[in-house]
Amino acid sequence: MPKREGSVKEGFLSTRVTFSIKESVFQEAQTEGLTPSEWLRNLVVKELKERQALPKGYVLPDRFSTSFKNGIQPPRIS
């Protein structure tokens, strides 16, 4: 999968998951043409948006505005 350019990510999150969850994340990311990191980042941002917990003015870069499987679009806050 191609590495995408963008703003430098300064924070790091890690978590342990079962092998089957890891494989599912990799498969879904590949299906959407994203790296697993991009896919998980979009998932986190989407959840934070739904909870209205994103920093004010946070905008997801335009290059992430491709359609997602199941019709979900990446979040964009103005």
C-alpha atoms as a PDB file:
ATOM      1  CA  MET A   1       0.000   0.000   0.000  1.00  0.00           C
ATOM      2  CA  PRO A   2       1.367   3.440  -0.832  1.00  0.00           C
ATOM      3  CA  LYS A   3       2.481   5.690   1.959  1.00  0.00           C
ATOM      4  CA  ARG A   4       0.510   8.909   1.955  1.00  0.00           C
ATOM      5  CA  GLU A   5       1.989  12.317   2.565  1.00  0.00           C
ATOM      6  CA  GLY A   6       0.526  14.556   5.205  1.00  0.00           C
ATOM      7  CA  SER A   7       1.139  16.363   8.426  1.00  0.00           C
ATOM      8  CA  VAL A   8       3.650  14.791  10.765  1.00  0.00           C
ATOM      9  CA  LYS A   9       1.999  12.639  13.378  1.00  0.00           C
ATOM     10  CA  GLU A  10       3.587  13.371  16.738  1.00  0.00           C
ATOM     11  CA  GLY A  11       1.602  11.061  19.001  1.00  0.00           C
ATOM     12  CA  PHE A  12       1.735   7.304  19.173  1.00  0.00           C
ATOM     13  CA  LEU A  13      -1.000   4.917  20.331  1.00  0.00           C
ATOM     14  CA  SER A  14      -0.614   1.191  20.659  1.00  0.00           C
ATOM     15  CA  THR A  15      -2.884  -1.596  21.753  1.00  0.00           C
ATOM     16  CA  ARG A  16      -2.928  -5.364  21.798  1.00  0.00           C
ATOM     17  CA  VAL A  17      -5.549  -7.265  19.837  1.00  0.00           C
ATOM     18  CA  THR A  18      -6.095 -10.882  18.945  1.00  0.00           C
ATOM     19  CA  PHE A  19      -4.527 -12.204  15.784  1.00  0.00           C
ATOM     20  CA  SER A  20      -7.966 -12.490  14.159  1.00  0.00           C
ATOM     21  CA  ILE A  21      -8.750  -8.808  14.891  1.00  0.00           C
ATOM     22  CA  LYS A  22      -5.369  -7.808  13.467  1.00  0.00           C
ATOM     23  CA  GLU A  23      -6.034  -9.799  10.305  1.00  0.00           C
ATOM     24  CA  SER A  24      -9.491  -8.223   9.954  1.00  0.00           C
ATOM     25  CA  VAL A  25      -8.020  -4.717  10.290  1.00  0.00           C
ATOM     26  CA  PHE A  26      -5.389  -5.479   7.635  1.00  0.00           C
ATOM     27  CA  GLN A  27      -8.042  -6.918   5.301  1.00  0.00           C
ATOM     28  CA  GLU A  28     -10.416  -3.960   5.708  1.00  0.00           C
ATOM     29  CA  ALA A  29      -7.595  -1.468   5.226  1.00  0.00           C
ATOM     30  CA  GLN A  30      -6.446  -3.240   2.066  1.00  0.00           C
ATOM     31  CA  THR A  31     -10.021  -3.318   0.749  1.00  0.00           C
ATOM     32  CA  GLU A  32     -10.200   0.468   1.142  1.00  0.00           C
ATOM     33  CA  GLY A  33      -6.733   1.080  -0.269  1.00  0.00           C
ATOM     34  CA  LEU A  34      -5.339   2.320   3.041  1.00  0.00           C
ATOM     35  CA  THR A  35      -2.549   1.283   5.348  1.00  0.00           C
ATOM     36  CA  PRO A  36      -3.720  -0.295   8.620  1.00  0.00           C
ATOM     37  CA  SER A  37      -2.482   2.838  10.401  1.00  0.00           C
ATOM     38  CA  GLU A  38      -4.575   5.107   8.146  1.00  0.00           C
ATOM     39  CA  TRP A  39      -7.618   2.874   8.538  1.00  0.00           C
ATOM     40  CA  LEU A  40      -7.351   2.857  12.334  1.00  0.00           C
ATOM     41  CA  ARG A  41      -6.682   6.616  12.433  1.00  0.00           C
ATOM     42  CA  ASN A  42      -9.843   7.247  10.397  1.00  0.00           C
ATOM     43  CA  LEU A  43     -11.806   4.955  12.705  1.00  0.00           C
ATOM     44  CA  VAL A  44     -10.592   6.833  15.793  1.00  0.00           C
ATOM     45  CA  VAL A  45     -11.364  10.233  14.248  1.00  0.00           C
ATOM     46  CA  LYS A  46     -14.845   9.053  13.196  1.00  0.00           C
ATOM     47  CA  GLU A  47     -15.603   7.864  16.723  1.00  0.00           C
ATOM     48  CA  LEU A  48     -14.277  11.061  18.299  1.00  0.00           C
ATOM     49  CA  LYS A  49     -16.409  13.110  15.889  1.00  0.00           C
ATOM     50  CA  GLU A  50     -19.529  11.160  16.847  1.00  0.00           C
ATOM     51  CA  ARG A  51     -18.769  11.869  20.508  1.00  0.00           C
ATOM     52  CA  GLN A  52     -18.063  15.543  19.709  1.00  0.00           C
ATOM     53  CA  ALA A  53     -14.633  15.076  21.288  1.00  0.00           C
ATOM     54  CA  LEU A  54     -12.355  16.294  18.470  1.00  0.00           C
ATOM     55  CA  PRO A  55     -10.301  19.444  18.934  1.00  0.00           C
ATOM     56  CA  LYS A  56     -12.127  22.514  17.614  1.00  0.00           C
ATOM     57  CA  GLY A  57     -11.311  23.158  13.960  1.00  0.00           C
ATOM     58  CA  TYR A  58      -9.852  19.702  13.301  1.00  0.00           C
ATOM     59  CA  VAL A  59      -9.923  18.965   9.553  1.00  0.00           C
ATOM     60  CA  LEU A  60      -9.068  15.630   7.992  1.00  0.00           C
ATOM     61  CA  PRO A  61      -6.919  16.148   4.861  1.00  0.00           C
ATOM     62  CA  ASP A  62      -8.769  16.026   1.508  1.00  0.00           C
ATOM     63  CA  ARG A  63      -6.774  13.035   0.271  1.00  0.00           C
ATOM     64  CA  PHE A  64      -8.679  10.926   2.830  1.00  0.00           C
ATOM     65  CA  SER A  65     -12.022  11.865   1.278  1.00  0.00           C
ATOM     66  CA  THR A  66     -12.279   8.728  -0.846  1.00  0.00           C
ATOM     67  CA  SER A  67     -15.326   6.552  -0.365  1.00  0.00           C
ATOM     68  CA  PHE A  68     -15.131   3.875   2.242  1.00  0.00           C
ATOM     69  CA  LYS A  69     -16.694   0.462   2.150  1.00  0.00           C
ATOM     70  CA  ASN A  70     -20.250   0.535   3.542  1.00  0.00           C
ATOM     71  CA  GLY A  71     -20.651   4.152   2.384  1.00  0.00           C
ATOM     72  CA  ILE A  72     -18.832   5.654   5.376  1.00  0.00           C
ATOM     73  CA  GLN A  73     -16.936   8.839   4.597  1.00  0.00           C
ATOM     74  CA  PRO A  74     -13.970  10.021   6.623  1.00  0.00           C
ATOM     75  CA  PRO A  75     -14.929  12.758   9.076  1.00  0.00           C
ATOM     76  CA  ARG A  76     -14.424  16.416   8.228  1.00  0.00           C
ATOM     77  CA  ILE A  77     -15.019  19.179  10.716  1.00  0.00           C
ATOM     78  CA  SER A  78     -15.027  22.827   9.712  1.00  0.00           C
END
